[in-house]
Every structure is written in structure tokens, then in C-alpha cells.
Full PDB file with SEQRES, HELIX, SHEET, SSBOND, CRYST1, ORIGX, SCALE, CONECT and MASTER records, all heavy atoms in Angstrom:
SEQRES   1 A   35  LEU LEU GLU GLU ILE GLN GLY VAL GLN CYS ASN LEU VAL          
SEQRES   2 A   35  ASP ILE ASP ASN VAL ARG ALA LEU LYS ARG ALA ALA LEU          
SEQRES   3 A   35  TYR LEU ILE GLU ALA GLY HIS GLU ASN                          
HELIX    1 AA1 ASN A   17  GLU A   30  1                                  14    
CRYST1    1.000    1.000    1.000  90.00  90.00  90.00 P 1           1          
ORIGX1      1.000000  0.000000  0.000000        0.00000                         
ORIGX2      0.000000  1.000000  0.000000        0.00000                         
ORIGX3      0.000000  0.000000  1.000000        0.00000                         
SCALE1      1.000000  0.000000  0.000000        0.00000                         
SCALE2      0.000000  1.000000  0.000000        0.00000                         
SCALE3      0.000000  0.000000  1.000000        0.00000                         
ATOM      1  N   LEU A   1      56.119 -81.953 -44.134  1.00  0.00           N  
ATOM      2  CA  LEU A   1      55.612 -81.320 -45.299  1.00  0.00           C  
ATOM      3  C   LEU A   1      54.403 -82.112 -45.913  1.00  0.00           C  
ATOM      4  O   LEU A   1      54.340 -83.342 -45.728  1.00  0.00           O  
ATOM      5  CB  LEU A   1      56.698 -81.286 -46.397  1.00  0.00           C  
ATOM      6  CG  LEU A   1      57.996 -80.521 -46.014  1.00  0.00           C  
ATOM      7  CD1 LEU A   1      58.987 -80.484 -47.189  1.00  0.00           C  
ATOM      8  CD2 LEU A   1      57.678 -79.104 -45.545  1.00  0.00           C  
ATOM      9  N   LEU A   2      53.555 -81.374 -46.591  1.00  0.00           N  
ATOM     10  CA  LEU A   2      52.417 -81.966 -47.295  1.00  0.00           C  
ATOM     11  C   LEU A   2      52.629 -81.935 -48.821  1.00  0.00           C  
ATOM     12  O   LEU A   2      51.732 -82.288 -49.584  1.00  0.00           O  
ATOM     13  CB  LEU A   2      51.104 -81.316 -46.929  1.00  0.00           C  
ATOM     14  CG  LEU A   2      50.705 -81.465 -45.441  1.00  0.00           C  
ATOM     15  CD1 LEU A   2      49.290 -80.902 -45.199  1.00  0.00           C  
ATOM     16  CD2 LEU A   2      50.736 -82.899 -45.010  1.00  0.00           C  
ATOM     17  N   GLU A   3      53.783 -81.451 -49.251  1.00  0.00           N  
ATOM     18  CA  GLU A   3      54.265 -81.577 -50.652  1.00  0.00           C  
ATOM     19  C   GLU A   3      55.723 -81.828 -50.555  1.00  0.00           C  
ATOM     20  O   GLU A   3      56.462 -81.195 -49.811  1.00  0.00           O  
ATOM     21  CB  GLU A   3      53.957 -80.322 -51.456  1.00  0.00           C  
ATOM     22  CG  GLU A   3      52.539 -80.126 -51.821  1.00  0.00           C  
ATOM     23  CD  GLU A   3      52.319 -78.966 -52.807  1.00  0.00           C  
ATOM     24  OE1 GLU A   3      53.284 -78.663 -53.593  1.00  0.00           O  
ATOM     25  OE2 GLU A   3      51.244 -78.401 -52.817  1.00  0.00           O  
ATOM     26  N   GLU A   4      56.217 -82.692 -51.393  1.00  0.00           N  
ATOM     27  CA  GLU A   4      57.640 -83.099 -51.344  1.00  0.00           C  
ATOM     28  C   GLU A   4      58.496 -81.999 -51.967  1.00  0.00           C  
ATOM     29  O   GLU A   4      58.130 -81.353 -52.985  1.00  0.00           O  
ATOM     30  CB  GLU A   4      57.889 -84.368 -52.048  1.00  0.00           C  
ATOM     31  CG  GLU A   4      59.258 -84.993 -51.908  1.00  0.00           C  
ATOM     32  CD  GLU A   4      59.359 -86.414 -52.334  1.00  0.00           C  
ATOM     33  OE1 GLU A   4      58.501 -86.889 -53.050  1.00  0.00           O  
ATOM     34  OE2 GLU A   4      60.346 -87.057 -51.959  1.00  0.00           O  
ATOM     35  N   ILE A   5      59.684 -81.752 -51.417  1.00  0.00           N  
ATOM     36  CA  ILE A   5      60.685 -80.907 -51.979  1.00  0.00           C  
ATOM     37  C   ILE A   5      61.905 -81.749 -52.260  1.00  0.00           C  
ATOM     38  O   ILE A   5      62.462 -82.379 -51.373  1.00  0.00           O  
ATOM     39  CB  ILE A   5      61.065 -79.757 -51.029  1.00  0.00           C  
ATOM     40  CG1 ILE A   5      59.861 -78.866 -50.750  1.00  0.00           C  
ATOM     41  CG2 ILE A   5      62.202 -78.896 -51.657  1.00  0.00           C  
ATOM     42  CD1 ILE A   5      60.138 -77.711 -49.769  1.00  0.00           C  
ATOM     43  N   GLN A   6      62.296 -81.817 -53.511  1.00  0.00           N  
ATOM     44  CA  GLN A   6      63.395 -82.675 -53.900  1.00  0.00           C  
ATOM     45  C   GLN A   6      64.654 -82.236 -53.132  1.00  0.00           C  
ATOM     46  O   GLN A   6      64.967 -81.036 -53.091  1.00  0.00           O  
ATOM     47  CB  GLN A   6      63.654 -82.546 -55.381  1.00  0.00           C  
ATOM     48  CG  GLN A   6      62.492 -83.086 -56.261  1.00  0.00           C  
ATOM     49  CD  GLN A   6      62.225 -84.549 -56.043  1.00  0.00           C  
ATOM     50  OE1 GLN A   6      63.139 -85.349 -55.823  1.00  0.00           O  
ATOM     51  NE2 GLN A   6      60.985 -84.986 -56.136  1.00  0.00           N  
ATOM     52  N   GLY A   7      65.342 -83.196 -52.507  1.00  0.00           N  
ATOM     53  CA  GLY A   7      66.589 -82.914 -51.812  1.00  0.00           C  
ATOM     54  C   GLY A   7      66.438 -82.630 -50.358  1.00  0.00           C  
ATOM     55  O   GLY A   7      67.429 -82.533 -49.671  1.00  0.00           O  
ATOM     56  N   VAL A   8      65.226 -82.429 -49.872  1.00  0.00           N  
ATOM     57  CA  VAL A   8      64.975 -82.122 -48.462  1.00  0.00           C  
ATOM     58  C   VAL A   8      64.460 -83.431 -47.804  1.00  0.00           C  
ATOM     59  O   VAL A   8      63.385 -83.847 -48.054  1.00  0.00           O  
ATOM     60  CB  VAL A   8      63.955 -80.998 -48.275  1.00  0.00           C  
ATOM     61  CG1 VAL A   8      63.708 -80.784 -46.776  1.00  0.00           C  
ATOM     62  CG2 VAL A   8      64.458 -79.704 -48.881  1.00  0.00           C  
ATOM     63  N   GLN A   9      65.295 -83.984 -46.976  1.00  0.00           N  
ATOM     64  CA  GLN A   9      64.950 -85.246 -46.306  1.00  0.00           C  
ATOM     65  C   GLN A   9      64.187 -84.873 -44.999  1.00  0.00           C  
ATOM     66  O   GLN A   9      64.745 -84.291 -44.106  1.00  0.00           O  
ATOM     67  CB  GLN A   9      66.185 -86.042 -45.946  1.00  0.00           C  
ATOM     68  CG  GLN A   9      66.952 -86.530 -47.139  1.00  0.00           C  
ATOM     69  CD  GLN A   9      66.131 -87.405 -48.088  1.00  0.00           C  
ATOM     70  OE1 GLN A   9      65.405 -88.312 -47.624  1.00  0.00           O  
ATOM     71  NE2 GLN A   9      66.196 -87.151 -49.396  1.00  0.00           N  
ATOM     72  N   CYS A  10      62.891 -85.220 -44.977  1.00  0.00           N  
ATOM     73  CA  CYS A  10      62.102 -84.852 -43.786  1.00  0.00           C  
ATOM     74  C   CYS A  10      60.788 -85.690 -43.818  1.00  0.00           C  
ATOM     75  O   CYS A  10      60.571 -86.476 -44.750  1.00  0.00           O  
ATOM     76  CB  CYS A  10      61.773 -83.354 -43.815  1.00  0.00           C  
ATOM     77  SG  CYS A  10      60.780 -82.840 -45.248  1.00  0.00           S  
ATOM     78  N   ASN A  11      59.995 -85.445 -42.791  1.00  0.00           N  
ATOM     79  CA  ASN A  11      58.689 -86.176 -42.747  1.00  0.00           C  
ATOM     80  C   ASN A  11      57.797 -85.647 -43.872  1.00  0.00           C  
ATOM     81  O   ASN A  11      57.830 -84.467 -44.210  1.00  0.00           O  
ATOM     82  CB  ASN A  11      58.015 -85.875 -41.376  1.00  0.00           C  
ATOM     83  CG  ASN A  11      58.849 -86.440 -40.218  1.00  0.00           C  
ATOM     84  OD1 ASN A  11      59.262 -87.603 -40.230  1.00  0.00           O  
ATOM     85  ND2 ASN A  11      59.093 -85.619 -39.187  1.00  0.00           N  
ATOM     86  N   LEU A  12      56.933 -86.564 -44.382  1.00  0.00           N  
ATOM     87  CA  LEU A  12      56.111 -86.179 -45.507  1.00  0.00           C  
ATOM     88  C   LEU A  12      54.838 -87.007 -45.509  1.00  0.00           C  
ATOM     89  O   LEU A  12      54.855 -88.203 -45.249  1.00  0.00           O  
ATOM     90  CB  LEU A  12      56.856 -86.483 -46.853  1.00  0.00           C  
ATOM     91  CG  LEU A  12      56.066 -86.280 -48.144  1.00  0.00           C  
ATOM     92  CD1 LEU A  12      55.838 -84.771 -48.390  1.00  0.00           C  
ATOM     93  CD2 LEU A  12      56.745 -86.970 -49.311  1.00  0.00           C  
ATOM     94  N   VAL A  13      53.708 -86.304 -45.788  1.00  0.00           N  
ATOM     95  CA  VAL A  13      52.444 -86.991 -46.094  1.00  0.00           C  
ATOM     96  C   VAL A  13      51.910 -86.416 -47.364  1.00  0.00           C  
ATOM     97  O   VAL A  13      51.850 -85.134 -47.551  1.00  0.00           O  
ATOM     98  CB  VAL A  13      51.362 -86.823 -44.968  1.00  0.00           C  
ATOM     99  CG1 VAL A  13      50.054 -87.370 -45.357  1.00  0.00           C  
ATOM    100  CG2 VAL A  13      51.817 -87.489 -43.675  1.00  0.00           C  
ATOM    101  N   ASP A  14      51.570 -87.220 -48.389  1.00  0.00           N  
ATOM    102  CA  ASP A  14      51.126 -86.746 -49.642  1.00  0.00           C  
ATOM    103  C   ASP A  14      50.420 -87.882 -50.381  1.00  0.00           C  
ATOM    104  O   ASP A  14      50.283 -89.005 -49.849  1.00  0.00           O  
ATOM    105  CB  ASP A  14      52.369 -86.256 -50.486  1.00  0.00           C  
ATOM    106  CG  ASP A  14      51.975 -85.262 -51.558  1.00  0.00           C  
ATOM    107  OD1 ASP A  14      50.765 -85.027 -51.805  1.00  0.00           O  
ATOM    108  OD2 ASP A  14      52.908 -84.670 -52.151  1.00  0.00           O  
ATOM    109  N   ILE A  15      49.983 -87.639 -51.599  1.00  0.00           N  
ATOM    110  CA  ILE A  15      49.530 -88.660 -52.461  1.00  0.00           C  
ATOM    111  C   ILE A  15      50.549 -88.813 -53.622  1.00  0.00           C  
ATOM    112  O   ILE A  15      51.421 -87.911 -53.820  1.00  0.00           O  
ATOM    113  CB  ILE A  15      48.126 -88.471 -53.030  1.00  0.00           C  
ATOM    114  CG1 ILE A  15      48.118 -87.274 -53.980  1.00  0.00           C  
ATOM    115  CG2 ILE A  15      47.133 -88.296 -51.898  1.00  0.00           C  
ATOM    116  CD1 ILE A  15      46.911 -87.208 -54.884  1.00  0.00           C  
ATOM    117  N   ASP A  16      50.439 -89.872 -54.394  1.00  0.00           N  
ATOM    118  CA  ASP A  16      51.203 -89.957 -55.598  1.00  0.00           C  
ATOM    119  C   ASP A  16      50.470 -89.249 -56.725  1.00  0.00           C  
ATOM    120  O   ASP A  16      49.629 -89.804 -57.412  1.00  0.00           O  
ATOM    121  CB  ASP A  16      51.424 -91.451 -55.943  1.00  0.00           C  
ATOM    122  CG  ASP A  16      52.430 -91.650 -57.072  1.00  0.00           C  
ATOM    123  OD1 ASP A  16      52.584 -90.749 -57.926  1.00  0.00           O  
ATOM    124  OD2 ASP A  16      52.986 -92.746 -57.151  1.00  0.00           O  
ATOM    125  N   ASN A  17      50.792 -87.984 -56.851  1.00  0.00           N  
ATOM    126  CA  ASN A  17      50.092 -87.106 -57.863  1.00  0.00           C  
ATOM    127  C   ASN A  17      50.312 -87.590 -59.260  1.00  0.00           C  
ATOM    128  O   ASN A  17      49.379 -87.484 -60.127  1.00  0.00           O  
ATOM    129  CB  ASN A  17      50.528 -85.686 -57.680  1.00  0.00           C  
ATOM    130  CG  ASN A  17      49.901 -84.994 -56.489  1.00  0.00           C  
ATOM    131  OD1 ASN A  17      48.777 -84.528 -56.558  1.00  0.00           O  
ATOM    132  ND2 ASN A  17      50.664 -84.920 -55.396  1.00  0.00           N  
ATOM    133  N   VAL A  18      51.522 -88.044 -59.587  1.00  0.00           N  
ATOM    134  CA  VAL A  18      51.767 -88.541 -60.927  1.00  0.00           C  
ATOM    135  C   VAL A  18      50.848 -89.713 -61.257  1.00  0.00           C  
ATOM    136  O   VAL A  18      50.183 -89.735 -62.327  1.00  0.00           O  
ATOM    137  CB  VAL A  18      53.250 -88.925 -61.106  1.00  0.00           C  
ATOM    138  CG1 VAL A  18      53.526 -89.525 -62.509  1.00  0.00           C  
ATOM    139  CG2 VAL A  18      54.160 -87.747 -60.877  1.00  0.00           C  
ATOM    140  N   ARG A  19      50.844 -90.631 -60.356  1.00  0.00           N  
ATOM    141  CA  ARG A  19      49.965 -91.819 -60.533  1.00  0.00           C  
ATOM    142  C   ARG A  19      48.499 -91.486 -60.675  1.00  0.00           C  
ATOM    143  O   ARG A  19      47.758 -91.988 -61.525  1.00  0.00           O  
ATOM    144  CB  ARG A  19      50.189 -92.808 -59.407  1.00  0.00           C  
ATOM    145  CG  ARG A  19      49.379 -94.075 -59.483  1.00  0.00           C  
ATOM    146  CD  ARG A  19      49.635 -94.965 -58.290  1.00  0.00           C  
ATOM    147  NE  ARG A  19      48.718 -96.118 -58.275  1.00  0.00           N  
ATOM    148  CZ  ARG A  19      48.697 -97.012 -57.299  1.00  0.00           C  
ATOM    149  NH1 ARG A  19      49.453 -96.854 -56.236  1.00  0.00           N  
ATOM    150  NH2 ARG A  19      47.852 -98.034 -57.337  1.00  0.00           N  
ATOM    151  N   ALA A  20      48.010 -90.569 -59.778  1.00  0.00           N  
ATOM    152  CA  ALA A  20      46.638 -90.181 -59.780  1.00  0.00           C  
ATOM    153  C   ALA A  20      46.177 -89.524 -61.083  1.00  0.00           C  
ATOM    154  O   ALA A  20      45.166 -89.851 -61.661  1.00  0.00           O  
ATOM    155  CB  ALA A  20      46.342 -89.277 -58.549  1.00  0.00           C  
ATOM    156  N   LEU A  21      47.016 -88.570 -61.523  1.00  0.00           N  
ATOM    157  CA  LEU A  21      46.649 -87.860 -62.750  1.00  0.00           C  
ATOM    158  C   LEU A  21      46.838 -88.751 -64.032  1.00  0.00           C  
ATOM    159  O   LEU A  21      46.033 -88.705 -64.938  1.00  0.00           O  
ATOM    160  CB  LEU A  21      47.460 -86.588 -62.931  1.00  0.00           C  
ATOM    161  CG  LEU A  21      46.851 -85.340 -62.317  1.00  0.00           C  
ATOM    162  CD1 LEU A  21      45.622 -84.844 -63.180  1.00  0.00           C  
ATOM    163  CD2 LEU A  21      46.384 -85.515 -60.886  1.00  0.00           C  
ATOM    164  N   LYS A  22      47.833 -89.665 -63.963  1.00  0.00           N  
ATOM    165  CA  LYS A  22      47.974 -90.571 -65.096  1.00  0.00           C  
ATOM    166  C   LYS A  22      46.722 -91.476 -65.179  1.00  0.00           C  
ATOM    167  O   LYS A  22      46.182 -91.698 -66.302  1.00  0.00           O  
ATOM    168  CB  LYS A  22      49.219 -91.430 -64.880  1.00  0.00           C  
ATOM    169  CG  LYS A  22      49.423 -92.414 -66.009  1.00  0.00           C  
ATOM    170  CD  LYS A  22      50.740 -93.150 -65.903  1.00  0.00           C  
ATOM    171  CE  LYS A  22      50.741 -94.202 -64.846  1.00  0.00           C  
ATOM    172  NZ  LYS A  22      51.986 -95.001 -64.908  1.00  0.00           N  
ATOM    173  N   ARG A  23      46.251 -91.934 -64.008  1.00  0.00           N  
ATOM    174  CA  ARG A  23      45.104 -92.808 -64.028  1.00  0.00           C  
ATOM    175  C   ARG A  23      43.865 -92.058 -64.579  1.00  0.00           C  
ATOM    176  O   ARG A  23      43.093 -92.641 -65.355  1.00  0.00           O  
ATOM    177  CB  ARG A  23      44.800 -93.256 -62.614  1.00  0.00           C  
ATOM    178  CG  ARG A  23      43.607 -94.187 -62.420  1.00  0.00           C  
ATOM    179  CD  ARG A  23      43.390 -94.602 -60.985  1.00  0.00           C  
ATOM    180  NE  ARG A  23      42.190 -95.382 -60.875  1.00  0.00           N  
ATOM    181  CZ  ARG A  23      41.674 -95.745 -59.690  1.00  0.00           C  
ATOM    182  NH1 ARG A  23      42.278 -95.371 -58.577  1.00  0.00           N  
ATOM    183  NH2 ARG A  23      40.580 -96.467 -59.579  1.00  0.00           N  
ATOM    184  N   ALA A  24      43.699 -90.834 -64.163  1.00  0.00           N  
ATOM    185  CA  ALA A  24      42.529 -90.055 -64.651  1.00  0.00           C  
ATOM    186  C   ALA A  24      42.647 -89.780 -66.180  1.00  0.00           C  
ATOM    187  O   ALA A  24      41.641 -89.913 -66.919  1.00  0.00           O  
ATOM    188  CB  ALA A  24      42.425 -88.719 -63.893  1.00  0.00           C  
ATOM    189  N   ALA A  25      43.855 -89.441 -66.632  1.00  0.00           N  
ATOM    190  CA  ALA A  25      44.069 -89.146 -68.054  1.00  0.00           C  
ATOM    191  C   ALA A  25      43.820 -90.396 -68.839  1.00  0.00           C  
ATOM    192  O   ALA A  25      43.207 -90.329 -69.968  1.00  0.00           O  
ATOM    193  CB  ALA A  25      45.423 -88.559 -68.294  1.00  0.00           C  
ATOM    194  N   LEU A  26      44.354 -91.538 -68.384  1.00  0.00           N  
ATOM    195  CA  LEU A  26      44.178 -92.794 -69.122  1.00  0.00           C  
ATOM    196  C   LEU A  26      42.669 -93.145 -69.211  1.00  0.00           C  
ATOM    197  O   LEU A  26      42.216 -93.689 -70.191  1.00  0.00           O  
ATOM    198  CB  LEU A  26      44.951 -93.928 -68.440  1.00  0.00           C  
ATOM    199  CG  LEU A  26      46.449 -93.942 -68.721  1.00  0.00           C  
ATOM    200  CD1 LEU A  26      47.157 -94.984 -67.930  1.00  0.00           C  
ATOM    201  CD2 LEU A  26      46.716 -94.201 -70.232  1.00  0.00           C  
ATOM    202  N   TYR A  27      41.911 -92.899 -68.133  1.00  0.00           N  
ATOM    203  CA  TYR A  27      40.517 -93.156 -68.144  1.00  0.00           C  
ATOM    204  C   TYR A  27      39.867 -92.396 -69.288  1.00  0.00           C  
ATOM    205  O   TYR A  27      39.052 -92.912 -70.064  1.00  0.00           O  
ATOM    206  CB  TYR A  27      39.834 -92.826 -66.814  1.00  0.00           C  
ATOM    207  CG  TYR A  27      38.377 -92.730 -66.910  1.00  0.00           C  
ATOM    208  CD1 TYR A  27      37.563 -93.909 -66.866  1.00  0.00           C  
ATOM    209  CD2 TYR A  27      37.713 -91.487 -67.068  1.00  0.00           C  
ATOM    210  CE1 TYR A  27      36.197 -93.824 -67.014  1.00  0.00           C  
ATOM    211  CE2 TYR A  27      36.345 -91.419 -67.195  1.00  0.00           C  
ATOM    212  CZ  TYR A  27      35.589 -92.619 -67.157  1.00  0.00           C  
ATOM    213  OH  TYR A  27      34.194 -92.528 -67.305  1.00  0.00           O  
ATOM    214  N   LEU A  28      40.181 -91.070 -69.388  1.00  0.00           N  
ATOM    215  CA  LEU A  28      39.605 -90.231 -70.413  1.00  0.00           C  
ATOM    216  C   LEU A  28      40.015 -90.668 -71.796  1.00  0.00           C  
ATOM    217  O   LEU A  28      39.214 -90.699 -72.750  1.00  0.00           O  
ATOM    218  CB  LEU A  28      39.942 -88.752 -70.181  1.00  0.00           C  
ATOM    219  CG  LEU A  28      39.340 -88.171 -68.933  1.00  0.00           C  
ATOM    220  CD1 LEU A  28      39.911 -86.791 -68.603  1.00  0.00           C  
ATOM    221  CD2 LEU A  28      37.784 -88.017 -69.081  1.00  0.00           C  
ATOM    222  N   ILE A  29      41.304 -91.016 -71.960  1.00  0.00           N  
ATOM    223  CA  ILE A  29      41.774 -91.480 -73.259  1.00  0.00           C  
ATOM    224  C   ILE A  29      41.080 -92.751 -73.690  1.00  0.00           C  
ATOM    225  O   ILE A  29      40.608 -92.917 -74.834  1.00  0.00           O  
ATOM    226  CB  ILE A  29      43.305 -91.668 -73.212  1.00  0.00           C  
ATOM    227  CG1 ILE A  29      44.005 -90.277 -73.100  1.00  0.00           C  
ATOM    228  CG2 ILE A  29      43.835 -92.403 -74.465  1.00  0.00           C  
ATOM    229  CD1 ILE A  29      45.501 -90.413 -72.859  1.00  0.00           C  
ATOM    230  N   GLU A  30      40.949 -93.695 -72.704  1.00  0.00           N  
ATOM    231  CA  GLU A  30      40.293 -94.959 -73.040  1.00  0.00           C  
ATOM    232  C   GLU A  30      38.781 -94.798 -73.245  1.00  0.00           C  
ATOM    233  O   GLU A  30      38.150 -95.624 -73.909  1.00  0.00           O  
ATOM    234  CB  GLU A  30      40.546 -95.928 -71.856  1.00  0.00           C  
ATOM    235  CG  GLU A  30      41.984 -96.412 -71.790  1.00  0.00           C  
ATOM    236  CD  GLU A  30      42.286 -97.118 -70.531  1.00  0.00           C  
ATOM    237  OE1 GLU A  30      41.360 -97.242 -69.652  1.00  0.00           O  
ATOM    238  OE2 GLU A  30      43.460 -97.514 -70.313  1.00  0.00           O  
ATOM    239  N   ALA A  31      38.268 -93.674 -72.784  1.00  0.00           N  
ATOM    240  CA  ALA A  31      36.865 -93.370 -73.008  1.00  0.00           C  
ATOM    241  C   ALA A  31      36.664 -92.683 -74.379  1.00  0.00           C  
ATOM    242  O   ALA A  31      35.498 -92.271 -74.717  1.00  0.00           O  
ATOM    243  CB  ALA A  31      36.308 -92.471 -71.920  1.00  0.00           C  
ATOM    244  N   GLY A  32      37.724 -92.587 -75.150  1.00  0.00           N  
ATOM    245  CA  GLY A  32      37.620 -92.082 -76.534  1.00  0.00           C  
ATOM    246  C   GLY A  32      38.058 -90.655 -76.710  1.00  0.00           C  
ATOM    247  O   GLY A  32      37.986 -90.134 -77.838  1.00  0.00           O  
ATOM    248  N   HIS A  33      38.559 -89.993 -75.667  1.00  0.00           N  
ATOM    249  CA  HIS A  33      38.989 -88.595 -75.793  1.00  0.00           C  
ATOM    250  C   HIS A  33      40.436 -88.537 -76.312  1.00  0.00           C  
ATOM    251  O   HIS A  33      41.392 -88.506 -75.510  1.00  0.00           O  
ATOM    252  CB  HIS A  33      38.850 -87.884 -74.425  1.00  0.00           C  
ATOM    253  CG  HIS A  33      37.440 -87.802 -73.986  1.00  0.00           C  
ATOM    254  ND1 HIS A  33      36.565 -86.865 -74.472  1.00  0.00           N  
ATOM    255  CD2 HIS A  33      36.761 -88.545 -73.045  1.00  0.00           C  
ATOM    256  CE1 HIS A  33      35.348 -86.990 -73.874  1.00  0.00           C  
ATOM    257  NE2 HIS A  33      35.468 -88.003 -73.015  1.00  0.00           N  
ATOM    258  N   GLU A  34      40.568 -88.529 -77.641  1.00  0.00           N  
ATOM    259  CA  GLU A  34      41.918 -88.449 -78.189  1.00  0.00           C  
ATOM    260  C   GLU A  34      42.486 -87.072 -78.201  1.00  0.00           C  
ATOM    261  O   GLU A  34      43.689 -86.879 -78.376  1.00  0.00           O  
ATOM    262  CB  GLU A  34      41.885 -89.028 -79.612  1.00  0.00           C  
ATOM    263  CG  GLU A  34      41.453 -90.477 -79.672  1.00  0.00           C  
ATOM    264  CD  GLU A  34      41.518 -91.040 -81.079  1.00  0.00           C  
ATOM    265  OE1 GLU A  34      41.867 -90.289 -82.011  1.00  0.00           O  
ATOM    266  OE2 GLU A  34      41.282 -92.247 -81.257  1.00  0.00           O  
ATOM    267  N   ASN A  35      41.646 -86.045 -77.989  1.00  0.00           N  
ATOM    268  CA  ASN A  35      42.128 -84.722 -77.901  1.00  0.00           C  
ATOM    269  C   ASN A  35      41.884 -84.184 -76.510  1.00  0.00           C  
ATOM    270  O   ASN A  35      40.858 -83.591 -76.185  1.00  0.00           O  
ATOM    271  CB  ASN A  35      41.400 -83.812 -78.913  1.00  0.00           C  
ATOM    272  CG  ASN A  35      42.056 -82.436 -79.020  1.00  0.00           C  
ATOM    273  OD1 ASN A  35      42.994 -82.074 -78.307  1.00  0.00           O  
ATOM    274  ND2 ASN A  35      41.538 -81.603 -79.955  1.00  0.00           N  
TER     275      ASN A  35                                                      
MASTER        0    0    0    1    0    0    0    6  274    1    0    3          
END                                                                             
């Protein structure tokens, strides 16, 4: 799979989407975007 399905144990290749989007959002927040 190229996206994880909770509860299905199998081979997987993906990125850590939570971490990637958190990093991007924090960058924007730290750049002054409070909204």
C-alpha cells in the first residue's frame, strides 16, 4: 500500500503526513500567520 489502513498489517511505503503538514503549518504560524 501507498497509504496506510489502520488494522491492515501489510507492506507500506508512505511519508509521515502528520509530521509534514505540522512542519508546514508551524512554518506559516512562525512567519506571523495567526489566521
